[in-house]
Structures are given as structure tokens and as C-alpha cells.
Amino acid sequence: MKPASKRLWALATLTLTLVLSSQASAFNLDSDLPITVSADNARLDDAQGIATYTGDVELVQGKTRLTAERVVLYRDINGLSRIEASGQPARYQQPTRDGQGETDARALDITWSASDEQLTFEREAIIEQNGNLFRGDVIHYDTVRRVVTAQGGDTTGSGSGRVEMVIQPRSTRSRQGSDGSSESQ
């Protein structure tokens, strides 16, 4: 990789990390708030610790929301351990920690893992937050370390096969007028 490409990649990674760092950490198992699930159909296999929900599924914990066509919840001795969602697309929404916006993520498959403390968005993944956009075939978000990794996919289909990012300019208190003077906003 050329030095300029390395610098651009480092800048893009840093910017995306800053964009997503204000996001709270997915579903919080230490919260006093319950996770509620509603769907058209449900199947619970208590012996295996697997609950499968289909048809207009919605998981909600506080202001965190996951909607999908199909959701599978896995439980172990410690409680909820994994959530797998699929849809056309599945959607994950959560307000930012500072309350100044919302993270809106979509993908054909979304997985949350308690043990890895990670959200994974796969196939046609898009994450939007306050006008910033991140797109890739697979996007991993480590909710503890606040590290995002992404990879592009094949060039077939609707995407370019590359990771794409749109970063909005920072807002400023004053803008420079056409004559060079500063104008207050």
C-alpha cells in the first residue's frame, strides 16, 4: 500500500471510530431495562436455549431497537448470549450517548455477541450517524474498545466491492463571508 493510501486509510479509520464512539454499547445486559420482543410467530426450544421469532420482529431495550424479518436469541447459563437478525434489511437503531443524534444501521444480517461484545453487520451493511455514512460488505463494531473494522465484498451486485465512507464537515460557530469577513451563525 502506498504511503498516501496508508494515511488516507488511517484517517478514514480514525474518523469512523470517532463517529461511532459516541454510540452506546448495543444491548446492555447489565441494564435494569428488560429486552422486549414482539413478532408474528415464536418458537422456544428451552432445552437448547434458543428462541426463534419470525414475521415483523421487534426487539427493544430502552431506546435501542432492532427490527427484522427473523430473529434468533441464544441463551446460556449466564443469560442472553447472542442475537442473530436477518431481513431485507434488518435494522438497528440507537441514540448516541450525548443524545445529539441516532445511529441507524442496516444490513441483511446483524449479529450481536455478548461474549465478544461486538455487533456485526453483514451483506449490504450501511451505518449512518448525523449525516455520516459508512458502507461495506461486513462491518464489525467492538462495543467496548470502540473499534470498527470493515471489509468490502465482491464487485458483483449493487455495490462497488469497496468500503465507502461519507464524512460531513464539522460545524463551526462562524463562517467566512464572501468578502473574507466572519459571520456569526
Protein backbone atom coordinates (compact mmCIF):
# COMPACT_ATOMS: atom_id res chain seq x y z
CA MET A 1 0.00 0.00 0.00
CA LYS A 2 1.33 3.43 -0.92
CA PRO A 3 2.14 5.85 1.94
CA ALA A 4 -0.66 8.23 0.82
CA SER A 5 -3.11 5.33 0.79
CA LYS A 6 -1.97 4.27 4.25
CA ARG A 7 -2.51 7.80 5.59
CA LEU A 8 -5.94 8.01 3.95
CA TRP A 9 -6.90 4.61 5.39
CA ALA A 10 -5.69 5.64 8.86
CA LEU A 11 -7.62 8.92 8.65
CA ALA A 12 -10.77 7.11 7.49
CA THR A 13 -10.49 4.54 10.28
CA LEU A 14 -9.92 7.24 12.90
CA THR A 15 -12.84 9.30 11.62
CA LEU A 16 -15.21 6.32 11.62
CA THR A 17 -14.09 5.38 15.11
CA LEU A 18 -14.83 8.91 16.29
CA VAL A 19 -18.23 8.87 14.56
CA LEU A 20 -19.22 5.60 16.19
CA SER A 21 -17.51 6.19 19.53
CA SER A 22 -20.42 8.26 20.73
CA GLN A 23 -22.65 5.25 20.24
CA ALA A 24 -23.69 3.44 23.41
CA SER A 25 -22.88 -0.23 23.64
CA ALA A 26 -25.58 -2.25 21.90
CA PHE A 27 -27.90 -4.24 24.13
CA ASN A 28 -26.83 -3.82 27.74
CA LEU A 29 -27.27 -6.98 29.80
CA ASP A 30 -26.32 -5.10 32.98
CA SER A 31 -29.19 -2.67 32.48
CA ASP A 32 -32.28 -2.70 34.67
CA LEU A 33 -34.31 -2.31 31.49
CA PRO A 34 -35.71 -5.54 30.03
CA ILE A 35 -35.36 -6.54 26.39
CA THR A 36 -38.86 -6.94 24.98
CA VAL A 37 -39.59 -8.95 21.85
CA SER A 38 -42.67 -8.90 19.66
CA ALA A 39 -43.26 -10.87 16.47
CA ASP A 40 -45.92 -12.61 14.40
CA ASN A 41 -44.61 -16.07 15.39
CA ALA A 42 -42.34 -17.51 18.07
CA ARG A 43 -40.76 -20.88 18.82
CA LEU A 44 -38.93 -21.54 22.09
CA ASP A 45 -36.65 -24.54 22.49
CA ASP A 46 -35.98 -24.30 26.22
CA ALA A 47 -33.68 -27.36 26.28
CA GLN A 48 -31.38 -25.80 23.66
CA GLY A 49 -31.79 -22.22 24.93
CA ILE A 50 -32.93 -20.98 21.52
CA ALA A 51 -35.90 -18.73 20.79
CA THR A 52 -36.80 -18.05 17.15
CA TYR A 53 -39.07 -15.17 16.20
CA THR A 54 -40.39 -14.58 12.68
CA GLY A 55 -42.56 -12.02 10.96
CA ASP A 56 -42.15 -8.31 11.69
CA VAL A 57 -39.88 -8.90 14.70
CA GLU A 58 -39.00 -6.05 17.02
CA LEU A 59 -36.55 -6.14 19.95
CA VAL A 60 -36.47 -3.09 22.21
CA GLN A 61 -34.40 -2.19 25.26
CA GLY A 62 -34.90 1.40 26.32
CA LYS A 63 -34.28 3.41 23.16
CA THR A 64 -32.25 0.69 21.43
CA ARG A 65 -34.29 -1.06 18.75
CA LEU A 66 -33.70 -3.97 16.37
CA THR A 67 -36.23 -4.83 13.66
CA ALA A 68 -36.01 -7.77 11.28
CA GLU A 69 -37.94 -10.48 9.49
CA ARG A 70 -36.33 -13.22 11.61
CA VAL A 71 -34.51 -13.06 14.95
CA VAL A 72 -32.90 -15.92 16.88
CA LEU A 73 -31.98 -15.43 20.55
CA TYR A 74 -29.46 -17.75 22.20
CA ARG A 75 -29.29 -18.16 25.97
CA ASP A 76 -26.69 -19.92 28.09
CA ILE A 77 -26.21 -20.23 31.85
CA ASN A 78 -25.31 -16.52 32.01
CA GLY A 79 -28.44 -15.39 30.16
CA LEU A 80 -28.74 -13.91 26.69
CA SER A 81 -25.53 -14.63 24.80
CA ARG A 82 -26.21 -13.93 21.13
CA ILE A 83 -28.76 -12.30 18.84
CA GLU A 84 -28.93 -13.08 15.12
CA ALA A 85 -31.25 -11.00 12.94
CA SER A 86 -31.98 -11.14 9.22
CA GLY A 87 -34.20 -9.10 6.95
CA GLN A 88 -34.46 -7.12 3.76
CA PRO A 89 -32.75 -5.35 5.52
CA ALA A 90 -32.61 -5.86 9.28
CA ARG A 91 -32.30 -2.54 11.09
CA TYR A 92 -30.54 -1.47 14.31
CA GLN A 93 -31.24 1.96 15.82
CA GLN A 94 -29.83 3.57 18.92
CA PRO A 95 -29.45 7.16 20.18
CA THR A 96 -25.92 8.45 20.61
CA ARG A 97 -24.56 8.75 24.15
CA ASP A 98 -24.69 12.51 24.01
CA GLY A 99 -28.30 12.42 22.80
CA GLN A 100 -27.45 14.57 19.78
CA GLY A 101 -28.47 12.08 17.12
CA GLU A 102 -29.09 8.47 16.33
CA THR A 103 -27.13 5.60 14.90
CA ASP A 104 -29.12 3.91 12.15
CA ALA A 105 -27.58 0.70 10.83
CA ARG A 106 -28.95 -1.67 8.21
CA ALA A 107 -27.74 -4.97 6.81
CA LEU A 108 -29.18 -8.22 5.55
CA ASP A 109 -27.69 -9.93 8.63
CA ILE A 110 -26.97 -8.38 12.03
CA THR A 111 -25.35 -10.32 14.88
CA TRP A 112 -24.75 -9.21 18.46
CA SER A 113 -22.44 -11.32 20.61
CA ALA A 114 -22.27 -10.83 24.39
CA SER A 115 -19.00 -12.76 24.79
CA ASP A 116 -17.23 -10.84 22.01
CA GLU A 117 -19.01 -7.58 22.93
CA GLN A 118 -19.37 -6.99 19.23
CA LEU A 119 -22.01 -6.02 16.68
CA THR A 120 -21.53 -7.40 13.17
CA PHE A 121 -23.37 -6.09 10.13
CA GLU A 122 -23.08 -8.35 7.08
CA ARG A 123 -24.16 -8.11 3.46
CA GLU A 124 -25.12 -4.68 2.18
CA ALA A 125 -24.16 -3.09 5.52
CA ILE A 126 -24.74 0.64 5.99
CA ILE A 127 -24.24 2.68 9.16
CA GLU A 128 -25.45 6.28 9.30
CA GLN A 129 -24.97 8.75 12.13
CA ASN A 130 -25.58 12.51 12.00
CA GLY A 131 -25.15 12.66 8.22
CA ASN A 132 -22.02 10.50 8.19
CA LEU A 133 -22.25 7.22 6.27
CA PHE A 134 -20.20 4.05 6.29
CA ARG A 135 -20.84 1.21 3.84
CA GLY A 136 -19.20 -2.19 3.39
CA ASP A 137 -19.93 -5.85 2.93
CA VAL A 138 -19.01 -6.66 6.54
CA ILE A 139 -18.69 -4.13 9.37
CA HIS A 140 -17.61 -5.21 12.87
CA TYR A 141 -18.05 -2.87 15.82
CA ASP A 142 -16.30 -3.71 19.10
CA THR A 143 -18.65 -2.03 21.59
CA VAL A 144 -16.07 -1.94 24.41
CA ARG A 145 -12.90 -0.85 22.61
CA ARG A 146 -14.95 1.25 20.17
CA VAL A 147 -13.06 -0.12 17.21
CA VAL A 148 -14.66 -0.50 13.79
CA THR A 149 -13.29 -2.78 11.11
CA ALA A 150 -14.82 -3.19 7.70
CA GLN A 151 -14.23 -5.05 4.52
CA GLY A 152 -15.56 -4.71 1.02
CA GLY A 153 -17.07 -7.54 -0.93
CA ASP A 154 -17.28 -8.76 -4.48
CA THR A 155 -17.82 -6.18 -7.19
CA THR A 156 -20.90 -8.04 -8.35
CA GLY A 157 -24.28 -6.75 -7.23
CA SER A 158 -25.20 -3.19 -6.35
CA GLY A 159 -22.02 -2.15 -4.53
CA SER A 160 -18.54 -1.31 -5.74
CA GLY A 161 -16.94 -4.04 -3.66
CA ARG A 162 -15.06 -1.45 -1.64
CA VAL A 163 -15.58 0.11 1.76
CA GLU A 164 -17.12 3.56 1.35
CA MET A 165 -17.39 6.46 3.79
CA VAL A 166 -19.03 9.89 3.66
CA ILE A 167 -17.87 12.27 6.39
CA GLN A 168 -19.70 15.53 6.93
CA PRO A 169 -17.63 18.67 7.61
CA ARG A 170 -17.50 19.90 11.18
CA SER A 171 -19.95 22.64 12.08
CA THR A 172 -18.31 25.90 13.03
CA ARG A 173 -19.57 28.82 15.10
CA SER A 174 -18.68 31.31 12.40
CA ARG A 175 -18.47 31.16 8.64
CA GLN A 176 -16.35 33.33 6.46
CA GLY A 177 -18.35 35.66 4.20
CA SER A 178 -17.62 36.18 0.51
CA ASP A 179 -15.67 39.33 1.36
CA GLY A 180 -13.44 37.46 3.81
CA SER A 181 -15.21 38.71 6.93
CA SER A 182 -16.61 36.36 9.56
CA GLU A 183 -20.35 35.95 10.02
CA SER A 184 -21.85 34.52 13.20
CA GLN A 185 -24.34 31.72 12.80
